Every structure is written in C-alpha cells, then in structure tokens.
Amino acid sequence: MRVETKRLLYAFLFPCIFVLLLWLVLLLEKGLEADWHRLGIYPRTLSGLKGILTEPLIHSGLQHLFSNSIPLIVLGWCLFYFYNEIGFAVMPVLWLLSGFFTWCIGRESWHIGASGLVYALSFFLFFSGIFRKYIPLMAVSLLVVFLYGSSLWNMFPVAEIVDPSISWEGHLSGAISGLIGAVLFRQYGPQKPAEPEEEEEALNEEEEPQLEGCIEQKE
C-alpha cells in the first residue's frame, strides 16, 4: 500500500473511532433506559464543571448525534490529514476550551453534545489556513466555509428563537476556541515553504559568521 494511501486512511482512524464511541455511549444510555444529560455542562456551577470533560460524549437522541457525526468525521479527517503533526495536541485543547467557555457564558440549563467541538474544529481549520498563508491549507479553509458557512447563524442568540434546544452558546464557545487554537498552534505543524530568495538569504546569513570565524582562527 502506498504511503499516501496509508496517510489518507490513518487520518480517518481517530475521527471514526471517536464517532463510534459516541454511538456506543448513546446506545448504552438507551439500552439502560438511563438519562445522562446531567453529564453535560451546567454553567457557573461546581457540579456542572465535570461536563467540560463529558459534554461532547452525551447526545439527546439519534438525530442530534447524527447531525454531529458527519461533520466530526469530515473535519476530524481534515485535521489529522493536513495537520497530522499536531492533531493529537489540538483536539484536547479545543475540547477543553470550548467546554470551559460554555460553562462561563451558557444559559442556566444543561448543555450536551459535540456540536461545540464541531465549531471549534471548523474555526481552527479556517483560521489556521489563513494564518499560515499556504495555498493547500487556505483551500481547506475555503472548503470549511463552503461546507459549514451556512451554520454560522447558529452561533448567535437568534438560534434560540428558532429552536430553544440549540445551545448557541456552545457553538459560539467552540468558534472562539477554534480561533484561539489556531493562534496558539500557528507556529507548529505545516508551514508555508520558504521562497527561493528567502532560502538564499538564510544561507548567506549562516555562511558569513563561519567565514569570519575562519579568518579569526588564522590570525
């Protein structure tokens, strides 16, 4: 199997395992006839803090989870394919930041679901491509806008008017987290290749001190 094919498949591995875990959690909850919504985030309460870790794992039903599953696989693949060097560092940062901001700004109700993580991934991928000014990564940014740009309105209070069950605070928190993550990791992972002129200047700067050192040694 070619290296590039392996890389394509490997990038799918973690997102698919993660989504499978989400479905197993939901099926287990339904099979036990349990109600795990209290594992979500309840803003500004000590008991609600645990939801920062568990919120993305809990969903209200099949439709809720299905609506998050495809974006998680698509965006997760983009992260682990284009940013494979930093993917496993980025994910927990986005997870924890989006949960923390939801805990800070959310209305007084239980917030559950992985949609905040979806928004975090979207904004991370978008801004990372813009910051790096590298055409292949900027193409990923445009792809994210094309696929999920229409969901931006779900980040604002108007979404609550349309559907009170939507946690626009969670979506906004995810978006903020994605932007912060893109800033934090902008110097890590793939970068725009240096232009030929820049490479020559860098080589010249490295060579000059070495020549001076040789002259000093001869003296």
N, C-alpha and C. Protein backbone atom coordinates (compact mmCIF):
# COMPACT_ATOMS: atom_id res chain seq x y z
N MET A 1 0.84 -1.19 0.00
CA MET A 1 0.00 0.00 0.00
C MET A 1 0.88 1.26 0.00
N ARG A 2 0.56 2.22 -0.85
CA ARG A 2 1.35 3.43 -0.96
C ARG A 2 1.29 4.24 0.33
N VAL A 3 2.36 5.03 0.55
CA VAL A 3 2.44 5.84 1.77
C VAL A 3 1.31 6.83 1.84
N GLU A 4 0.99 7.47 0.71
CA GLU A 4 -0.07 8.48 0.71
C GLU A 4 -1.42 7.85 1.02
N THR A 5 -1.66 6.66 0.52
CA THR A 5 -2.92 5.96 0.82
C THR A 5 -3.01 5.64 2.30
N LYS A 6 -1.89 5.19 2.87
CA LYS A 6 -1.87 4.91 4.31
C LYS A 6 -2.17 6.17 5.11
N ARG A 7 -1.62 7.28 4.66
CA ARG A 7 -1.84 8.54 5.37
C ARG A 7 -3.31 8.96 5.30
N LEU A 8 -3.92 8.76 4.13
CA LEU A 8 -5.35 9.08 3.98
C LEU A 8 -6.20 8.25 4.93
N LEU A 9 -5.90 6.96 4.99
CA LEU A 9 -6.67 6.06 5.85
C LEU A 9 -6.42 6.34 7.32
N TYR A 10 -5.17 6.62 7.66
CA TYR A 10 -4.82 6.90 9.04
C TYR A 10 -5.55 8.14 9.55
N ALA A 11 -5.70 9.14 8.68
CA ALA A 11 -6.38 10.37 9.08
C ALA A 11 -7.85 10.12 9.42
N PHE A 12 -8.42 9.07 8.84
CA PHE A 12 -9.81 8.73 9.15
C PHE A 12 -9.93 7.95 10.46
N LEU A 13 -8.85 7.35 10.91
CA LEU A 13 -8.91 6.40 12.02
C LEU A 13 -9.46 7.03 13.29
N PHE A 14 -8.83 8.07 13.79
CA PHE A 14 -9.27 8.67 15.04
C PHE A 14 -10.68 9.24 14.97
N PRO A 15 -11.03 10.03 13.93
CA PRO A 15 -12.40 10.55 13.85
C PRO A 15 -13.46 9.44 13.84
N CYS A 16 -13.18 8.36 13.12
CA CYS A 16 -14.16 7.26 13.05
C CYS A 16 -14.28 6.55 14.40
N ILE A 17 -13.15 6.34 15.07
CA ILE A 17 -13.20 5.70 16.39
C ILE A 17 -13.96 6.58 17.38
N PHE A 18 -13.71 7.88 17.31
CA PHE A 18 -14.37 8.81 18.22
C PHE A 18 -15.89 8.81 17.99
N VAL A 19 -16.30 8.88 16.72
CA VAL A 19 -17.74 8.88 16.41
C VAL A 19 -18.36 7.54 16.81
N LEU A 20 -17.66 6.45 16.60
CA LEU A 20 -18.15 5.14 17.03
C LEU A 20 -18.36 5.13 18.54
N LEU A 21 -17.44 5.72 19.29
CA LEU A 21 -17.58 5.81 20.74
C LEU A 21 -18.84 6.58 21.12
N LEU A 22 -19.11 7.67 20.42
CA LEU A 22 -20.31 8.46 20.70
C LEU A 22 -21.59 7.63 20.50
N TRP A 23 -21.59 6.83 19.43
CA TRP A 23 -22.77 6.00 19.17
C TRP A 23 -22.91 4.90 20.23
N LEU A 24 -21.78 4.36 20.66
CA LEU A 24 -21.83 3.34 21.71
C LEU A 24 -22.37 3.92 23.02
N VAL A 25 -21.96 5.14 23.34
CA VAL A 25 -22.44 5.80 24.56
C VAL A 25 -23.95 6.01 24.47
N LEU A 26 -24.43 6.48 23.32
CA LEU A 26 -25.87 6.72 23.17
C LEU A 26 -26.65 5.41 23.25
N LEU A 27 -26.17 4.37 22.56
CA LEU A 27 -26.86 3.08 22.58
C LEU A 27 -26.88 2.49 23.99
N LEU A 28 -25.78 2.66 24.72
CA LEU A 28 -25.72 2.17 26.09
C LEU A 28 -26.71 2.93 26.97
N GLU A 29 -26.78 4.23 26.78
CA GLU A 29 -27.73 5.03 27.56
C GLU A 29 -29.16 4.60 27.29
N LYS A 30 -29.49 4.40 26.02
CA LYS A 30 -30.85 3.98 25.67
C LYS A 30 -31.12 2.55 26.13
N GLY A 31 -30.10 1.68 26.01
CA GLY A 31 -30.27 0.30 26.42
C GLY A 31 -30.51 0.17 27.91
N LEU A 32 -29.88 1.02 28.68
CA LEU A 32 -30.06 1.01 30.15
C LEU A 32 -31.25 1.84 30.59
N GLU A 33 -31.92 2.47 29.61
CA GLU A 33 -33.04 3.37 29.90
C GLU A 33 -32.64 4.43 30.93
N ALA A 34 -31.42 4.93 30.71
CA ALA A 34 -30.87 5.94 31.62
C ALA A 34 -31.03 7.33 31.00
N ASP A 35 -30.73 8.33 31.80
CA ASP A 35 -30.74 9.71 31.33
C ASP A 35 -29.45 10.36 31.82
N TRP A 36 -28.52 10.56 30.89
CA TRP A 36 -27.20 11.04 31.25
C TRP A 36 -27.00 12.52 30.93
N HIS A 37 -28.09 13.26 30.78
CA HIS A 37 -27.93 14.66 30.41
C HIS A 37 -27.19 15.45 31.48
N ARG A 38 -27.20 14.94 32.74
CA ARG A 38 -26.50 15.63 33.82
C ARG A 38 -24.98 15.46 33.75
N LEU A 39 -24.53 14.72 32.75
CA LEU A 39 -23.10 14.68 32.47
C LEU A 39 -22.68 15.82 31.54
N GLY A 40 -23.65 16.63 31.16
CA GLY A 40 -23.35 17.80 30.35
C GLY A 40 -22.84 18.95 31.22
N ILE A 41 -22.83 20.13 30.63
CA ILE A 41 -22.35 21.33 31.33
C ILE A 41 -23.53 22.12 31.86
N TYR A 42 -23.48 22.43 33.15
CA TYR A 42 -24.44 23.38 33.72
C TYR A 42 -23.62 24.61 34.13
N PRO A 43 -23.78 25.71 33.38
CA PRO A 43 -22.88 26.86 33.55
C PRO A 43 -22.82 27.42 34.96
N ARG A 44 -21.61 27.79 35.31
CA ARG A 44 -21.31 28.53 36.54
C ARG A 44 -21.72 27.81 37.81
N THR A 45 -21.66 26.49 37.78
CA THR A 45 -21.88 25.69 38.98
C THR A 45 -20.76 24.68 39.11
N LEU A 46 -20.42 24.32 40.33
CA LEU A 46 -19.36 23.33 40.54
C LEU A 46 -19.74 21.98 39.97
N SER A 47 -21.01 21.59 40.14
CA SER A 47 -21.45 20.29 39.62
C SER A 47 -21.42 20.25 38.10
N GLY A 48 -21.54 21.42 37.49
CA GLY A 48 -21.54 21.47 36.03
C GLY A 48 -20.16 21.48 35.41
N LEU A 49 -19.12 21.62 36.25
CA LEU A 49 -17.75 21.65 35.73
C LEU A 49 -17.33 20.33 35.09
N LYS A 50 -17.83 19.23 35.63
CA LYS A 50 -17.44 17.92 35.09
C LYS A 50 -17.84 17.78 33.64
N GLY A 51 -18.87 18.53 33.24
CA GLY A 51 -19.34 18.46 31.86
C GLY A 51 -18.33 18.95 30.85
N ILE A 52 -17.34 19.73 31.31
CA ILE A 52 -16.29 20.16 30.39
C ILE A 52 -15.60 18.94 29.78
N LEU A 53 -15.48 17.88 30.55
CA LEU A 53 -14.86 16.65 30.08
C LEU A 53 -15.83 15.73 29.36
N THR A 54 -17.08 15.72 29.79
CA THR A 54 -18.03 14.70 29.29
C THR A 54 -19.09 15.22 28.33
N GLU A 55 -19.25 16.53 28.22
CA GLU A 55 -20.33 17.09 27.38
C GLU A 55 -20.34 16.54 25.96
N PRO A 56 -19.19 16.50 25.24
CA PRO A 56 -19.24 16.03 23.85
C PRO A 56 -19.66 14.58 23.68
N LEU A 57 -19.65 13.82 24.77
CA LEU A 57 -19.99 12.39 24.67
C LEU A 57 -21.48 12.13 24.76
N ILE A 58 -22.26 13.12 25.23
CA ILE A 58 -23.67 12.90 25.53
C ILE A 58 -24.54 13.62 24.50
N HIS A 59 -25.53 12.90 23.96
CA HIS A 59 -26.46 13.48 22.99
C HIS A 59 -27.90 13.16 23.37
N SER A 60 -28.79 14.01 22.90
CA SER A 60 -30.20 13.87 23.29
C SER A 60 -30.91 12.75 22.55
N GLY A 61 -30.40 12.37 21.39
CA GLY A 61 -31.06 11.32 20.62
C GLY A 61 -30.33 11.03 19.33
N LEU A 62 -30.92 10.17 18.51
CA LEU A 62 -30.29 9.75 17.27
C LEU A 62 -30.08 10.91 16.31
N GLN A 63 -31.09 11.76 16.17
CA GLN A 63 -30.97 12.87 15.23
C GLN A 63 -29.87 13.84 15.66
N HIS A 64 -29.81 14.11 16.96
CA HIS A 64 -28.79 15.01 17.49
C HIS A 64 -27.40 14.47 17.21
N LEU A 65 -27.19 13.20 17.47
CA LEU A 65 -25.88 12.60 17.25
C LEU A 65 -25.55 12.49 15.77
N PHE A 66 -26.53 12.13 14.95
CA PHE A 66 -26.29 12.00 13.52
C PHE A 66 -25.87 13.34 12.91
N SER A 67 -26.48 14.43 13.37
CA SER A 67 -26.15 15.75 12.84
C SER A 67 -24.71 16.15 13.16
N ASN A 68 -24.13 15.55 14.21
CA ASN A 68 -22.74 15.85 14.57
C ASN A 68 -21.75 14.84 14.00
N SER A 69 -22.23 13.66 13.67
CA SER A 69 -21.31 12.58 13.27
C SER A 69 -20.56 12.87 11.99
N ILE A 70 -21.28 13.26 10.94
CA ILE A 70 -20.63 13.51 9.65
C ILE A 70 -19.65 14.68 9.73
N PRO A 71 -20.04 15.83 10.33
CA PRO A 71 -19.04 16.91 10.46
C PRO A 71 -17.82 16.50 11.26
N LEU A 72 -18.00 15.70 12.31
CA LEU A 72 -16.85 15.26 13.10
C LEU A 72 -15.89 14.41 12.27
N ILE A 73 -16.43 13.56 11.43
CA ILE A 73 -15.57 12.72 10.59
C ILE A 73 -14.87 13.55 9.52
N VAL A 74 -15.62 14.45 8.86
CA VAL A 74 -15.04 15.27 7.79
C VAL A 74 -13.98 16.22 8.34
N LEU A 75 -14.35 16.97 9.39
CA LEU A 75 -13.42 17.94 9.96
C LEU A 75 -12.27 17.26 10.68
N GLY A 76 -12.57 16.13 11.34
CA GLY A 76 -11.51 15.38 12.00
C GLY A 76 -10.50 14.84 11.00
N TRP A 77 -11.00 14.37 9.85
CA TRP A 77 -10.09 13.90 8.82
C TRP A 77 -9.21 15.05 8.32
N CYS A 78 -9.79 16.22 8.10
CA CYS A 78 -9.01 17.38 7.66
C CYS A 78 -7.92 17.72 8.67
N LEU A 79 -8.26 17.66 9.95
CA LEU A 79 -7.28 17.96 10.99
C LEU A 79 -6.13 16.97 10.97
N PHE A 80 -6.44 15.67 10.97
CA PHE A 80 -5.40 14.66 11.10
C PHE A 80 -4.67 14.38 9.78
N TYR A 81 -5.22 14.86 8.66
CA TYR A 81 -4.51 14.71 7.39
C TYR A 81 -3.59 15.90 7.14
N PHE A 82 -4.13 17.10 7.24
CA PHE A 82 -3.37 18.30 6.92
C PHE A 82 -2.52 18.80 8.09
N TYR A 83 -2.93 18.45 9.31
CA TYR A 83 -2.18 18.88 10.50
C TYR A 83 -1.81 17.67 11.35
N ASN A 84 -1.36 16.61 10.69
CA ASN A 84 -1.14 15.34 11.37
C ASN A 84 -0.11 15.44 12.49
N GLU A 85 0.84 16.38 12.38
CA GLU A 85 1.88 16.50 13.39
C GLU A 85 1.34 17.03 14.73
N ILE A 86 0.26 17.80 14.67
CA ILE A 86 -0.24 18.45 15.88
C ILE A 86 -1.68 18.06 16.21
N GLY A 87 -2.26 17.15 15.43
CA GLY A 87 -3.67 16.80 15.61
C GLY A 87 -4.02 16.35 17.02
N PHE A 88 -3.18 15.49 17.59
CA PHE A 88 -3.49 14.97 18.93
C PHE A 88 -3.22 15.98 20.03
N ALA A 89 -2.52 17.05 19.72
CA ALA A 89 -2.36 18.14 20.69
C ALA A 89 -3.51 19.15 20.57
N VAL A 90 -3.97 19.35 19.34
CA VAL A 90 -5.02 20.33 19.10
C VAL A 90 -6.36 19.88 19.68
N MET A 91 -6.70 18.61 19.50
CA MET A 91 -8.02 18.12 19.91
C MET A 91 -8.34 18.37 21.39
N PRO A 92 -7.49 17.98 22.33
CA PRO A 92 -7.83 18.23 23.73
C PRO A 92 -7.92 19.72 24.07
N VAL A 93 -7.10 20.55 23.40
CA VAL A 93 -7.18 21.99 23.65
C VAL A 93 -8.55 22.52 23.22
N LEU A 94 -8.99 22.14 22.03
CA LEU A 94 -10.30 22.58 21.54
C LEU A 94 -11.42 22.05 22.42
N TRP A 95 -11.30 20.79 22.82
CA TRP A 95 -12.30 20.14 23.68
C TRP A 95 -12.47 20.91 24.98
N LEU A 96 -11.36 21.15 25.67
CA LEU A 96 -11.42 21.77 26.99
C LEU A 96 -11.80 23.25 26.91
N LEU A 97 -11.26 23.97 25.94
CA LEU A 97 -11.58 25.39 25.82
C LEU A 97 -13.05 25.61 25.48
N SER A 98 -13.58 24.84 24.54
CA SER A 98 -14.99 25.01 24.16
C SER A 98 -15.90 24.70 25.34
N GLY A 99 -15.57 23.67 26.11
CA GLY A 99 -16.36 23.34 27.30
C GLY A 99 -16.27 24.43 28.36
N PHE A 100 -15.06 24.95 28.57
CA PHE A 100 -14.87 25.98 29.59
C PHE A 100 -15.64 27.25 29.24
N PHE A 101 -15.57 27.68 27.99
CA PHE A 101 -16.28 28.90 27.60
C PHE A 101 -17.80 28.70 27.68
N THR A 102 -18.27 27.50 27.36
CA THR A 102 -19.69 27.22 27.50
C THR A 102 -20.10 27.32 28.97
N TRP A 103 -19.26 26.79 29.84
CA TRP A 103 -19.53 26.89 31.28
C TRP A 103 -19.58 28.34 31.74
N CYS A 104 -18.80 29.18 31.11
CA CYS A 104 -18.74 30.59 31.50
C CYS A 104 -19.93 31.40 30.99
N ILE A 105 -20.34 31.19 29.73
CA ILE A 105 -21.33 32.08 29.11
C ILE A 105 -22.69 31.44 28.88
N GLY A 106 -22.82 30.14 29.10
CA GLY A 106 -24.07 29.45 28.78
C GLY A 106 -25.23 29.87 29.67
N ARG A 107 -26.44 29.72 29.12
CA ARG A 107 -27.63 29.98 29.93
C ARG A 107 -27.78 28.87 30.97
N GLU A 108 -28.65 29.07 31.93
CA GLU A 108 -28.80 28.12 33.04
C GLU A 108 -29.64 26.93 32.60
N SER A 109 -28.99 25.99 31.97
CA SER A 109 -29.60 24.72 31.56
C SER A 109 -28.46 23.77 31.24
N TRP A 110 -28.81 22.50 31.01
CA TRP A 110 -27.78 21.51 30.70
C TRP A 110 -27.41 21.59 29.22
N HIS A 111 -26.14 21.69 28.95
CA HIS A 111 -25.62 21.77 27.58
C HIS A 111 -24.92 20.45 27.27
N ILE A 112 -25.39 19.77 26.23
CA ILE A 112 -24.81 18.48 25.85
C ILE A 112 -24.54 18.44 24.36
N GLY A 113 -23.70 17.50 23.95
CA GLY A 113 -23.44 17.29 22.54
C GLY A 113 -22.07 17.76 22.08
N ALA A 114 -21.66 17.25 20.93
CA ALA A 114 -20.34 17.55 20.38
C ALA A 114 -20.36 18.69 19.37
N SER A 115 -21.46 19.43 19.28
CA SER A 115 -21.54 20.49 18.28
C SER A 115 -20.53 21.60 18.57
N GLY A 116 -20.25 21.87 19.85
CA GLY A 116 -19.24 22.86 20.18
C GLY A 116 -17.88 22.46 19.63
N LEU A 117 -17.58 21.16 19.69
CA LEU A 117 -16.32 20.65 19.15
C LEU A 117 -16.30 20.77 17.62
N VAL A 118 -17.46 20.58 16.99
CA VAL A 118 -17.56 20.74 15.54
C VAL A 118 -17.21 22.18 15.15
N TYR A 119 -17.78 23.14 15.87
CA TYR A 119 -17.48 24.54 15.57
C TYR A 119 -16.01 24.86 15.86
N ALA A 120 -15.47 24.28 16.91
CA ALA A 120 -14.07 24.51 17.25
C ALA A 120 -13.16 24.00 16.12
N LEU A 121 -13.44 22.82 15.61
CA LEU A 121 -12.65 22.27 14.51
C LEU A 121 -12.79 23.13 13.25
N SER A 122 -14.02 23.58 12.97
CA SER A 122 -14.26 24.40 11.78
C SER A 122 -13.44 25.68 11.83
N PHE A 123 -13.48 26.36 12.97
CA PHE A 123 -12.78 27.64 13.08
C PHE A 123 -11.27 27.45 13.16
N PHE A 124 -10.83 26.37 13.78
CA PHE A 124 -9.40 26.09 13.81
C PHE A 124 -8.88 25.89 12.39
N LEU A 125 -9.55 25.06 11.61
CA LEU A 125 -9.11 24.78 10.25
C LEU A 125 -9.17 26.03 9.38
N PHE A 126 -10.22 26.83 9.56
CA PHE A 126 -10.35 28.04 8.76
C PHE A 126 -9.22 29.03 9.05
N PHE A 127 -9.05 29.38 10.31
CA PHE A 127 -8.06 30.39 10.65
C PHE A 127 -6.63 29.88 10.52
N SER A 128 -6.40 28.59 10.73
CA SER A 128 -5.05 28.05 10.57
C SER A 128 -4.57 28.21 9.13
N GLY A 129 -5.46 27.96 8.18
CA GLY A 129 -5.09 28.14 6.78
C GLY A 129 -4.81 29.59 6.45
N ILE A 130 -5.61 30.51 7.02
CA ILE A 130 -5.42 31.93 6.77
C ILE A 130 -4.11 32.41 7.37
N PHE A 131 -3.84 32.02 8.62
CA PHE A 131 -2.63 32.48 9.30
C PHE A 131 -1.35 32.00 8.61
N ARG A 132 -1.38 30.79 8.09
CA ARG A 132 -0.16 30.21 7.50
C ARG A 132 0.08 30.67 6.07
N LYS A 133 -0.96 31.20 5.42
CA LYS A 133 -0.84 31.75 4.05
C LYS A 133 -0.24 30.72 3.09
N TYR A 134 -0.62 29.47 3.30
CA TYR A 134 -0.12 28.37 2.48
C TYR A 134 -1.30 27.85 1.67
N ILE A 135 -1.18 27.87 0.35
CA ILE A 135 -2.32 27.65 -0.54
C ILE A 135 -3.09 26.35 -0.24
N PRO A 136 -2.43 25.19 -0.07
CA PRO A 136 -3.22 23.98 0.22
C PRO A 136 -4.05 24.10 1.50
N LEU A 137 -3.50 24.76 2.52
CA LEU A 137 -4.23 24.91 3.78
C LEU A 137 -5.31 25.98 3.66
N MET A 138 -5.07 27.00 2.83
CA MET A 138 -6.10 28.00 2.57
C MET A 138 -7.27 27.38 1.79
N ALA A 139 -6.96 26.40 0.95
CA ALA A 139 -8.01 25.67 0.23
C ALA A 139 -8.89 24.92 1.22
N VAL A 140 -8.28 24.36 2.27
CA VAL A 140 -9.06 23.70 3.32
C VAL A 140 -9.96 24.71 4.01
N SER A 141 -9.45 25.92 4.24
CA SER A 141 -10.25 26.98 4.85
C SER A 141 -11.49 27.26 4.01
N LEU A 142 -11.30 27.37 2.69
CA LEU A 142 -12.42 27.64 1.80
C LEU A 142 -13.40 26.47 1.77
N LEU A 143 -12.87 25.25 1.85
CA LEU A 143 -13.74 24.08 1.89
C LEU A 143 -14.62 24.09 3.14
N VAL A 144 -14.04 24.47 4.26
CA VAL A 144 -14.80 24.55 5.51
C VAL A 144 -15.92 25.58 5.39
N VAL A 145 -15.60 26.74 4.79
CA VAL A 145 -16.62 27.78 4.60
C VAL A 145 -17.73 27.27 3.69
N PHE A 146 -17.35 26.57 2.63
CA PHE A 146 -18.34 26.05 1.68
C PHE A 146 -19.27 25.03 2.34
N LEU A 147 -18.69 24.16 3.15
CA LEU A 147 -19.49 23.08 3.75
C LEU A 147 -20.32 23.56 4.93
N TYR A 148 -19.75 24.44 5.77
CA TYR A 148 -20.40 24.76 7.04
C TYR A 148 -20.62 26.24 7.28
N GLY A 149 -20.38 27.06 6.26
CA GLY A 149 -20.56 28.50 6.42
C GLY A 149 -22.00 28.89 6.74
N SER A 150 -22.95 28.11 6.24
CA SER A 150 -24.36 28.44 6.46
C SER A 150 -24.80 28.23 7.91
N SER A 151 -23.99 27.53 8.69
CA SER A 151 -24.36 27.26 10.09
C SER A 151 -23.88 28.35 11.04
N LEU A 152 -23.30 29.42 10.51
CA LEU A 152 -22.77 30.48 11.36
C LEU A 152 -23.86 31.13 12.21
N TRP A 153 -25.07 31.22 11.67
CA TRP A 153 -26.12 31.90 12.42
C TRP A 153 -26.47 31.15 13.70
N ASN A 154 -26.12 29.86 13.78
CA ASN A 154 -26.39 29.09 15.00
C ASN A 154 -25.47 29.47 16.16
N MET A 155 -24.55 30.42 15.91
CA MET A 155 -23.66 30.88 16.97
C MET A 155 -24.25 32.08 17.73
N PHE A 156 -25.41 32.55 17.31
CA PHE A 156 -25.94 33.79 17.87
C PHE A 156 -27.30 33.56 18.51
N PRO A 157 -27.71 34.46 19.41
CA PRO A 157 -28.96 34.25 20.17
C PRO A 157 -30.20 34.03 19.31
N VAL A 158 -30.18 34.48 18.05
CA VAL A 158 -31.34 34.27 17.19
C VAL A 158 -31.65 32.79 17.03
N ALA A 159 -30.62 31.94 17.14
CA ALA A 159 -30.83 30.49 17.01
C ALA A 159 -31.74 29.97 18.10
N GLU A 160 -31.68 30.57 19.28
CA GLU A 160 -32.53 30.15 20.39
C GLU A 160 -34.00 30.44 20.11
N ILE A 161 -34.24 31.52 19.36
CA ILE A 161 -35.63 31.86 19.00
C ILE A 161 -36.20 30.83 18.03
N VAL A 162 -35.38 30.41 17.08
CA VAL A 162 -35.82 29.41 16.09
C VAL A 162 -36.01 28.05 16.74
N ASP A 163 -35.05 27.64 17.58
CA ASP A 163 -35.11 26.35 18.25
C ASP A 163 -34.50 26.49 19.65
N PRO A 164 -35.33 26.53 20.70
CA PRO A 164 -34.82 26.73 22.06
C PRO A 164 -33.84 25.65 22.52
N SER A 165 -33.85 24.50 21.86
CA SER A 165 -32.95 23.42 22.28
C SER A 165 -31.53 23.62 21.78
N ILE A 166 -31.34 24.56 20.86
CA ILE A 166 -30.00 24.80 20.32
C ILE A 166 -29.17 25.58 21.33
N SER A 167 -27.99 25.08 21.62
CA SER A 167 -27.06 25.78 22.51
C SER A 167 -26.16 26.68 21.67
N TRP A 168 -26.67 27.87 21.34
CA TRP A 168 -25.84 28.79 20.55
C TRP A 168 -24.59 29.19 21.33
N GLU A 169 -24.70 29.16 22.68
CA GLU A 169 -23.54 29.49 23.50
C GLU A 169 -22.42 28.45 23.30
N GLY A 170 -22.83 27.18 23.19
CA GLY A 170 -21.84 26.13 22.93
C GLY A 170 -21.18 26.29 21.58
N HIS A 171 -21.98 26.68 20.58
CA HIS A 171 -21.43 26.90 19.24
C HIS A 171 -20.47 28.08 19.23
N LEU A 172 -20.88 29.18 19.87
CA LEU A 172 -20.01 30.35 19.93
C LEU A 172 -18.73 30.04 20.70
N SER A 173 -18.87 29.28 21.78
CA SER A 173 -17.69 28.89 22.56
C SER A 173 -16.73 28.05 21.72
N GLY A 174 -17.29 27.16 20.92
CA GLY A 174 -16.45 26.35 20.03
C GLY A 174 -15.73 27.21 19.01
N ALA A 175 -16.43 28.20 18.45
CA ALA A 175 -15.82 29.08 17.46
C ALA A 175 -14.67 29.88 18.07
N ILE A 176 -14.88 30.42 19.27
CA ILE A 176 -13.83 31.16 19.96
C ILE A 176 -12.64 30.26 20.24
N SER A 177 -12.92 29.04 20.66
CA SER A 177 -11.86 28.08 20.97
C SER A 177 -11.05 27.73 19.73
N GLY A 178 -11.73 27.57 18.60
CA GLY A 178 -11.03 27.27 17.35
C GLY A 178 -10.10 28.39 16.94
N LEU A 179 -10.56 29.64 17.11
CA LEU A 179 -9.71 30.79 16.79
C LEU A 179 -8.50 30.83 17.72
N ILE A 180 -8.72 30.64 19.01
CA ILE A 180 -7.61 30.64 19.97
C ILE A 180 -6.63 29.52 19.65
N GLY A 181 -7.15 28.33 19.34
CA GLY A 181 -6.29 27.20 18.99
C GLY A 181 -5.45 27.49 17.77
N ALA A 182 -6.05 28.15 16.77
CA ALA A 182 -5.30 28.49 15.55
C ALA A 182 -4.16 29.46 15.86
N VAL A 183 -4.40 30.38 16.79
CA VAL A 183 -3.36 31.33 17.19
C VAL A 183 -2.25 30.61 17.97
N LEU A 184 -2.66 29.76 18.91
CA LEU A 184 -1.68 29.06 19.75
C LEU A 184 -0.76 28.14 18.94
N PHE A 185 -1.31 27.48 17.93
CA PHE A 185 -0.55 26.48 17.18
C PHE A 185 -0.05 27.00 15.83
N ARG A 186 -0.13 28.32 15.60
CA ARG A 186 0.21 28.85 14.27
C ARG A 186 1.66 28.60 13.88
N GLN A 187 2.54 28.45 14.87
CA GLN A 187 3.96 28.22 14.57
C GLN A 187 4.31 26.73 14.53
N TYR A 188 3.33 25.87 14.72
CA TYR A 188 3.57 24.42 14.76
C TYR A 188 2.85 23.74 13.61
N GLY A 189 3.35 22.57 13.23
CA GLY A 189 2.73 21.84 12.15
C GLY A 189 3.15 22.38 10.80
N PRO A 190 2.37 22.13 9.75
CA PRO A 190 2.76 22.52 8.38
C PRO A 190 2.86 24.04 8.25
N GLN A 191 3.84 24.49 7.50
CA GLN A 191 4.07 25.91 7.27
C GLN A 191 4.27 26.16 5.78
N LYS A 192 4.10 27.41 5.40
CA LYS A 192 4.34 27.80 4.01
C LYS A 192 5.81 27.61 3.70
N PRO A 193 6.16 26.92 2.61
CA PRO A 193 7.58 26.74 2.26
C PRO A 193 8.24 28.09 2.00
N ALA A 194 9.50 28.19 2.38
CA ALA A 194 10.24 29.43 2.16
C ALA A 194 10.46 29.66 0.67
N GLU A 195 10.39 30.94 0.25
CA GLU A 195 10.66 31.29 -1.14
C GLU A 195 12.15 31.10 -1.42
N PRO A 196 12.53 30.85 -2.68
CA PRO A 196 13.95 30.66 -3.02
C PRO A 196 14.83 31.82 -2.56
N GLU A 197 14.35 33.06 -2.69
CA GLU A 197 15.14 34.22 -2.27
C GLU A 197 15.37 34.20 -0.77
N GLU A 198 14.32 33.82 0.00
CA GLU A 198 14.44 33.77 1.44
C GLU A 198 15.43 32.69 1.85
N GLU A 199 15.43 31.56 1.13
CA GLU A 199 16.36 30.48 1.45
C GLU A 199 17.80 30.92 1.20
N GLU A 200 18.04 31.66 0.09
CA GLU A 200 19.38 32.14 -0.21
C GLU A 200 19.87 33.10 0.86
N GLU A 201 18.97 34.02 1.30
CA GLU A 201 19.34 34.97 2.34
C GLU A 201 19.70 34.25 3.63
N ALA A 202 18.89 33.21 3.97
CA ALA A 202 19.16 32.46 5.19
C ALA A 202 20.51 31.75 5.11
N LEU A 203 20.82 31.19 3.93
CA LEU A 203 22.11 30.51 3.76
C LEU A 203 23.28 31.49 3.86
N ASN A 204 23.09 32.67 3.27
CA ASN A 204 24.15 33.67 3.32
C ASN A 204 24.41 34.13 4.75
N GLU A 205 23.32 34.29 5.52
CA GLU A 205 23.46 34.71 6.91
C GLU A 205 24.20 33.66 7.74
N GLU A 206 23.98 32.37 7.40
CA GLU A 206 24.66 31.30 8.12
C GLU A 206 26.13 31.20 7.73
N GLU A 207 26.43 31.49 6.46
CA GLU A 207 27.80 31.34 5.98
C GLU A 207 28.72 32.46 6.45
N GLU A 208 28.22 33.69 6.54
CA GLU A 208 29.05 34.84 6.89
C GLU A 208 29.76 34.68 8.23
N PRO A 209 29.05 34.32 9.31
CA PRO A 209 29.74 34.15 10.59
C PRO A 209 30.80 33.06 10.55
N GLN A 210 30.55 31.99 9.74
CA GLN A 210 31.51 30.90 9.66
C GLN A 210 32.80 31.37 9.00
N LEU A 211 32.70 32.24 7.94
CA LEU A 211 33.88 32.76 7.28
C LEU A 211 34.68 33.66 8.20
N GLU A 212 33.97 34.50 8.94
CA GLU A 212 34.61 35.38 9.89
C GLU A 212 35.37 34.57 10.94
N GLY A 213 34.75 33.49 11.37
CA GLY A 213 35.38 32.63 12.37
C GLY A 213 36.67 32.02 11.84
N CYS A 214 36.66 31.65 10.56
CA CYS A 214 37.86 31.06 9.96
C CYS A 214 38.99 32.08 9.91
N ILE A 215 38.64 33.32 9.56
CA ILE A 215 39.66 34.37 9.46
C ILE A 215 40.27 34.62 10.83
N GLU A 216 39.41 34.66 11.85
CA GLU A 216 39.90 34.91 13.19
C GLU A 216 40.83 33.80 13.65
N GLN A 217 40.52 32.57 13.28
CA GLN A 217 41.36 31.45 13.68
C GLN A 217 42.73 31.52 13.02
N LYS A 218 42.76 31.99 11.75
CA LYS A 218 44.04 32.09 11.05
C LYS A 218 44.91 33.16 11.69
N GLU A 219 44.27 34.25 12.07
CA GLU A 219 45.03 35.29 12.75
C GLU A 219 45.59 34.80 14.07
